[in-house]
Amino acid sequence: MATATAGRRSTYPYWFLIPGGLIFTVFFLVPSVMAFYFSLTRWTLFDQEFIGLDNYVQFFREPALASGLTHTLIYALVTSGLKVVLGMALAILLTGPIIGRGFMRSVAFFPVLVSTIGVGLTFQVLMHPTKGIINQALAVIGIDGPAWLVDPSWALLSVALVDVWQGVGLATVIYMAGILTIPGEYFEAAKMDGASAWHRFRHVTLPLAKPATISVIILSLIGGLRKFDLIWAMTKGGPGFTSDVMASVVYKQYQAGFYGLSTAGNVVLFLLVILIVLPLFWLVNRKEES
């Protein structure tokens, strides 16, 4: 009797894994395996033909792929870098003794809650080269604003800046959580030793907020590499192909009816995210442990 009870106690916690395991299997594992299979076929809603790696060969011969891959990497680096810098700066400001701190925290996080499509369409109007409020405001102070979304040299950067505006609130919250867990005694001891605000930031806040920095970098990189909705709402990959990223290239292939080819593109994008994020995560954790 005692042995049976001990056996039940030792196996009981594994039952908690079943709901999560089922959800993971049904909504991630099965679709992923099916995507890998269908990327090896030429398929429609009614039939399919196994063609091996032909979709991948054709995808890598796609003229827009090279520029789309470059744009994806640039977009991910710009957005993640700015979110780290601005998120840390805002978090330091919003954890300090400022007036209306609670209200300012709400304002900083509000853009995260707004629909991405709504943000894209709104900034499409605001960034109009002649009628947009942004260029009109710049003209008041004597600055000739660029043609944000119609100039090939500005289009991708313009969308990236809007992405940062919308997403920096989440980075700020993560940094605030990290900074507020730092014991106040460390800052008091640094003050007593005569450390300036810069030295307190450099030697106390920055190293002890490292877990928050890691989270912001990884989340921002994943989001940047996978970004589609904001880019499609604002530029649809234009003008020309100057703001096309991997996700928009894949979507255009799907629109053209190349379902197997677009599935192969999704697999390539998935592997790209894995190949960038996992080594980075491993490297950062290794340095933290050492």
Protein backbone atom coordinates (compact mmCIF):
# COMPACT_ATOMS: atom_id res chain seq x y z
CA MET A 1 0.00 0.00 0.00
CA ALA A 2 2.80 2.38 0.98
CA THR A 3 4.72 1.50 -2.21
CA ALA A 4 1.67 2.19 -4.40
CA THR A 5 1.10 5.53 -2.68
CA ALA A 6 4.76 6.50 -3.12
CA GLY A 7 4.55 5.52 -6.81
CA ARG A 8 1.47 7.70 -7.33
CA ARG A 9 3.18 10.63 -5.62
CA SER A 10 6.29 10.32 -7.80
CA THR A 11 4.33 10.21 -11.08
CA TYR A 12 1.54 12.65 -10.20
CA PRO A 13 3.34 15.91 -11.23
CA TYR A 14 3.76 14.61 -14.80
CA TRP A 15 0.01 14.93 -15.32
CA PHE A 16 0.49 18.69 -15.30
CA LEU A 17 2.51 18.37 -18.53
CA ILE A 18 -0.35 16.83 -20.49
CA PRO A 19 -2.45 19.99 -21.23
CA GLY A 20 0.62 22.01 -22.24
CA GLY A 21 1.99 19.08 -24.23
CA LEU A 22 -1.28 18.65 -26.13
CA ILE A 23 -1.47 22.36 -26.96
CA PHE A 24 2.17 22.37 -28.09
CA THR A 25 1.68 19.27 -30.23
CA VAL A 26 -1.58 20.36 -31.88
CA PHE A 27 -0.76 24.02 -32.48
CA PHE A 28 3.01 23.94 -33.06
CA LEU A 29 4.56 20.51 -33.58
CA VAL A 30 2.00 19.10 -36.04
CA PRO A 31 1.76 22.29 -38.16
CA SER A 32 5.58 22.53 -38.23
CA VAL A 33 5.97 18.97 -39.46
CA MET A 34 3.23 19.50 -42.05
CA ALA A 35 4.91 22.73 -43.22
CA PHE A 36 8.21 20.89 -43.71
CA TYR A 37 6.42 18.21 -45.72
CA PHE A 38 4.38 20.58 -47.89
CA SER A 39 7.51 22.61 -48.61
CA LEU A 40 8.69 19.55 -50.54
CA THR A 41 5.56 19.45 -52.69
CA ARG A 42 3.75 21.44 -55.35
CA TRP A 43 0.32 21.69 -53.77
CA THR A 44 -3.07 23.30 -54.08
CA LEU A 45 -6.22 22.93 -52.01
CA PHE A 46 -7.17 19.86 -54.07
CA ASP A 47 -3.98 17.96 -54.90
CA GLN A 48 -0.27 17.75 -54.23
CA GLU A 49 2.84 16.47 -56.00
CA PHE A 50 6.08 15.58 -54.26
CA ILE A 51 8.99 17.42 -55.92
CA GLY A 52 11.74 17.15 -53.33
CA LEU A 53 13.96 20.20 -52.86
CA ASP A 54 12.85 21.98 -56.04
CA ASN A 55 10.94 24.62 -54.09
CA TYR A 56 14.04 25.49 -52.09
CA VAL A 57 16.21 25.67 -55.23
CA GLN A 58 13.69 27.97 -56.89
CA PHE A 59 13.27 30.06 -53.74
CA PHE A 60 17.01 30.76 -53.47
CA ARG A 61 17.05 31.71 -57.14
CA GLU A 62 14.33 34.28 -56.49
CA PRO A 63 15.76 37.73 -57.37
CA ALA A 64 13.96 39.40 -54.46
CA LEU A 65 15.37 36.92 -51.92
CA ALA A 66 18.84 38.46 -51.59
CA SER A 67 17.49 41.97 -51.03
CA GLY A 68 14.69 40.64 -48.80
CA LEU A 69 17.19 38.76 -46.63
CA THR A 70 19.42 41.85 -46.35
CA HIS A 71 16.45 44.05 -45.48
CA THR A 72 15.28 41.55 -42.86
CA LEU A 73 18.65 41.56 -41.10
CA ILE A 74 18.92 45.37 -41.26
CA TYR A 75 15.39 45.78 -39.95
CA ALA A 76 15.96 43.36 -37.07
CA LEU A 77 19.27 44.97 -36.04
CA VAL A 78 17.95 48.55 -36.21
CA THR A 79 14.74 47.85 -34.30
CA SER A 80 16.35 45.66 -31.62
CA GLY A 81 19.25 48.10 -31.10
CA LEU A 82 16.99 51.12 -30.73
CA LYS A 83 14.60 49.26 -28.42
CA VAL A 84 17.49 48.31 -26.13
CA VAL A 85 18.88 51.85 -25.95
CA LEU A 86 15.56 53.72 -25.70
CA GLY A 87 13.97 51.09 -23.46
CA MET A 88 16.82 51.37 -20.97
CA ALA A 89 16.75 55.19 -21.07
CA LEU A 90 12.99 55.34 -20.52
CA ALA A 91 13.14 52.73 -17.76
CA ILE A 92 15.76 54.73 -15.87
CA LEU A 93 13.63 57.86 -16.25
CA LEU A 94 10.39 56.15 -15.21
CA THR A 95 11.91 54.46 -12.15
CA GLY A 96 13.33 57.76 -10.92
CA PRO A 97 11.66 60.45 -8.81
CA ILE A 98 9.70 62.30 -11.51
CA ILE A 99 6.30 63.99 -11.34
CA GLY A 100 3.42 61.96 -12.81
CA ARG A 101 5.45 58.78 -12.93
CA GLY A 102 2.44 56.46 -13.03
CA PHE A 103 0.83 58.41 -15.86
CA MET A 104 4.08 58.50 -17.84
CA ARG A 105 4.46 54.75 -17.47
CA SER A 106 0.98 54.27 -18.93
CA VAL A 107 1.76 56.61 -21.82
CA ALA A 108 5.01 54.76 -22.59
CA PHE A 109 3.24 51.38 -22.70
CA PHE A 110 0.11 52.51 -24.55
CA PRO A 111 1.43 52.05 -28.14
CA VAL A 112 2.05 48.36 -27.42
CA LEU A 113 -1.71 47.89 -26.97
CA VAL A 114 -2.67 49.52 -30.28
CA SER A 115 -3.38 47.38 -33.35
CA THR A 116 -0.29 47.10 -35.57
CA ILE A 117 -2.39 47.58 -38.71
CA GLY A 118 -3.96 50.67 -37.16
CA VAL A 119 -0.52 52.04 -36.32
CA GLY A 120 0.69 51.37 -39.86
CA LEU A 121 -2.26 53.09 -41.52
CA THR A 122 -2.04 56.05 -39.14
CA PHE A 123 1.66 56.64 -39.78
CA GLN A 124 1.08 56.18 -43.49
CA VAL A 125 -0.98 59.38 -43.29
CA LEU A 126 1.34 61.13 -40.84
CA MET A 127 4.37 60.42 -43.05
CA HIS A 128 2.84 61.67 -46.29
CA PRO A 129 5.61 63.68 -48.01
CA THR A 130 3.52 66.83 -48.57
CA LYS A 131 0.35 66.54 -46.46
CA GLY A 132 1.70 64.62 -43.48
CA ILE A 133 1.82 66.28 -40.06
CA ILE A 134 5.42 65.17 -39.48
CA ASN A 135 6.82 67.01 -42.51
CA GLN A 136 4.60 69.99 -41.86
CA ALA A 137 5.95 70.22 -38.30
CA LEU A 138 9.53 69.95 -39.59
CA ALA A 139 8.83 72.69 -42.12
CA VAL A 140 7.82 75.05 -39.30
CA ILE A 141 11.36 74.86 -37.88
CA GLY A 142 12.96 75.11 -41.31
CA ILE A 143 13.69 71.43 -41.97
CA ASP A 144 12.73 69.90 -45.29
CA GLY A 145 11.42 66.47 -44.29
CA PRO A 146 12.14 63.42 -46.47
CA ALA A 147 9.61 61.50 -48.51
CA TRP A 148 9.44 58.90 -45.75
CA LEU A 149 7.61 56.01 -47.39
CA VAL A 150 8.10 56.80 -51.09
CA ASP A 151 11.84 57.45 -51.05
CA PRO A 152 13.68 54.11 -51.57
CA SER A 153 16.48 55.18 -49.23
CA TRP A 154 14.04 56.04 -46.40
CA ALA A 155 11.19 53.52 -46.70
CA LEU A 156 12.64 50.63 -44.67
CA LEU A 157 14.10 52.92 -42.01
CA SER A 158 10.78 54.77 -41.70
CA VAL A 159 8.91 51.54 -40.97
CA ALA A 160 11.63 50.51 -38.52
CA LEU A 161 11.24 53.79 -36.62
CA VAL A 162 7.48 53.26 -36.37
CA ASP A 163 8.12 49.72 -35.12
CA VAL A 164 10.42 51.11 -32.44
CA TRP A 165 7.79 53.69 -31.43
CA GLN A 166 5.21 50.95 -30.99
CA GLY A 167 7.44 48.34 -29.34
CA VAL A 168 9.73 50.35 -27.08
CA GLY A 169 7.05 50.35 -24.37
CA LEU A 170 7.43 46.59 -23.88
CA ALA A 171 11.21 46.93 -23.68
CA THR A 172 10.74 49.71 -21.12
CA VAL A 173 8.51 47.53 -18.93
CA ILE A 174 11.03 44.66 -19.04
CA TYR A 175 13.85 47.02 -18.09
CA MET A 176 11.77 48.59 -15.32
CA ALA A 177 11.15 45.14 -13.85
CA GLY A 178 14.88 44.43 -13.97
CA ILE A 179 15.91 47.78 -12.44
CA LEU A 180 13.34 47.60 -9.63
CA THR A 181 14.75 44.22 -8.52
CA ILE A 182 18.19 45.78 -7.89
CA PRO A 183 18.58 46.36 -4.13
CA GLY A 184 18.60 50.06 -3.26
CA GLU A 185 21.59 49.51 -0.96
CA TYR A 186 23.85 49.14 -4.01
CA PHE A 187 22.97 52.63 -5.24
CA GLU A 188 23.32 54.10 -1.74
CA ALA A 189 26.75 52.51 -1.30
CA ALA A 190 27.85 53.84 -4.70
CA LYS A 191 26.67 57.35 -3.74
CA MET A 192 28.59 57.20 -0.46
CA ASP A 193 31.71 56.24 -2.41
CA GLY A 194 31.26 59.37 -4.52
CA ALA A 195 30.10 57.65 -7.72
CA SER A 196 28.45 59.95 -10.25
CA ALA A 197 25.12 59.15 -11.92
CA TRP A 198 27.01 57.85 -14.99
CA HIS A 199 29.20 55.55 -12.89
CA ARG A 200 26.19 54.27 -10.94
CA PHE A 201 24.54 53.43 -14.27
CA ARG A 202 27.65 51.84 -15.73
CA HIS A 203 28.76 49.81 -12.72
CA VAL A 204 25.45 49.05 -10.97
CA THR A 205 22.41 49.38 -13.22
CA LEU A 206 23.86 48.09 -16.49
CA PRO A 207 25.46 44.85 -15.22
CA LEU A 208 22.63 43.97 -12.82
CA ALA A 209 19.99 44.61 -15.50
CA LYS A 210 21.73 42.19 -17.86
CA PRO A 211 18.92 39.56 -17.73
CA ALA A 212 16.46 42.24 -18.85
CA THR A 213 18.81 43.26 -21.66
CA ILE A 214 19.04 39.66 -22.84
CA SER A 215 15.25 39.35 -22.87
CA VAL A 216 14.80 42.59 -24.80
CA ILE A 217 17.46 41.67 -27.39
CA ILE A 218 16.07 38.20 -28.04
CA LEU A 219 12.42 39.26 -28.16
CA SER A 220 13.23 42.24 -30.41
CA LEU A 221 15.35 40.14 -32.76
CA ILE A 222 12.65 37.49 -33.12
CA GLY A 223 10.01 40.15 -33.72
CA GLY A 224 12.20 42.01 -36.22
CA LEU A 225 13.11 38.91 -38.22
CA ARG A 226 9.45 37.85 -38.45
CA LYS A 227 7.94 41.29 -39.05
CA PHE A 228 5.30 41.49 -41.74
CA ASP A 229 2.06 43.25 -40.75
CA LEU A 230 3.49 46.72 -40.12
CA ILE A 231 5.59 46.66 -43.30
CA TRP A 232 2.67 45.46 -45.40
CA ALA A 233 0.31 48.06 -43.94
CA MET A 234 2.73 50.93 -44.60
CA THR A 235 4.61 50.12 -47.82
CA LYS A 236 3.64 46.63 -49.06
CA GLY A 237 7.36 46.13 -49.64
CA GLY A 238 7.70 49.20 -51.84
CA PRO A 239 8.59 51.42 -53.43
CA GLY A 240 9.70 48.68 -55.78
CA PHE A 241 11.29 46.05 -53.55
CA THR A 242 13.20 48.47 -51.32
CA SER A 243 11.34 47.57 -48.09
CA ASP A 244 10.63 43.93 -48.89
CA VAL A 245 11.60 41.52 -46.12
CA MET A 246 11.54 37.73 -46.06
CA ALA A 247 7.96 37.59 -44.79
CA SER A 248 6.63 39.92 -47.49
CA VAL A 249 8.49 38.01 -50.22
CA VAL A 250 6.87 34.80 -48.97
CA TYR A 251 3.43 36.46 -48.88
CA LYS A 252 3.78 37.73 -52.46
CA GLN A 253 4.61 34.22 -53.63
CA TYR A 254 1.51 32.93 -51.87
CA GLN A 255 -0.59 35.64 -53.53
CA ALA A 256 0.74 34.52 -56.90
CA GLY A 257 -0.46 30.97 -56.24
CA PHE A 258 2.96 29.39 -55.56
CA TYR A 259 1.83 27.66 -52.38
CA GLY A 260 4.64 25.12 -52.16
CA LEU A 261 7.22 27.80 -52.86
CA SER A 262 5.79 30.11 -50.20
CA THR A 263 5.74 27.22 -47.70
CA ALA A 264 9.42 26.61 -48.42
CA GLY A 265 10.02 30.31 -47.81
CA ASN A 266 8.29 30.07 -44.44
CA VAL A 267 10.52 27.14 -43.51
CA VAL A 268 13.60 29.15 -44.55
CA LEU A 269 12.42 32.07 -42.41
CA PHE A 270 11.80 29.75 -39.45
CA LEU A 271 15.31 28.27 -39.78
CA LEU A 272 16.81 31.76 -40.11
CA VAL A 273 15.25 32.81 -36.80
CA ILE A 274 16.47 29.62 -35.13
CA LEU A 275 20.01 29.96 -36.52
CA ILE A 276 20.32 33.54 -35.27
CA VAL A 277 18.50 33.43 -31.94
CA LEU A 278 19.60 30.06 -30.52
CA PRO A 279 23.39 30.65 -30.85
CA LEU A 280 22.92 34.14 -29.41
CA PHE A 281 20.90 32.75 -26.48
CA TRP A 282 23.53 30.04 -25.89
CA LEU A 283 26.42 32.51 -26.07
CA VAL A 284 24.82 34.99 -23.68
CA ASN A 285 23.89 32.31 -21.14
CA ARG A 286 27.38 30.82 -21.34
CA LYS A 287 28.96 34.18 -20.54
CA GLU A 288 26.50 34.68 -17.68
CA GLU A 289 27.34 31.32 -16.13
CA SER A 290 31.07 31.89 -16.41
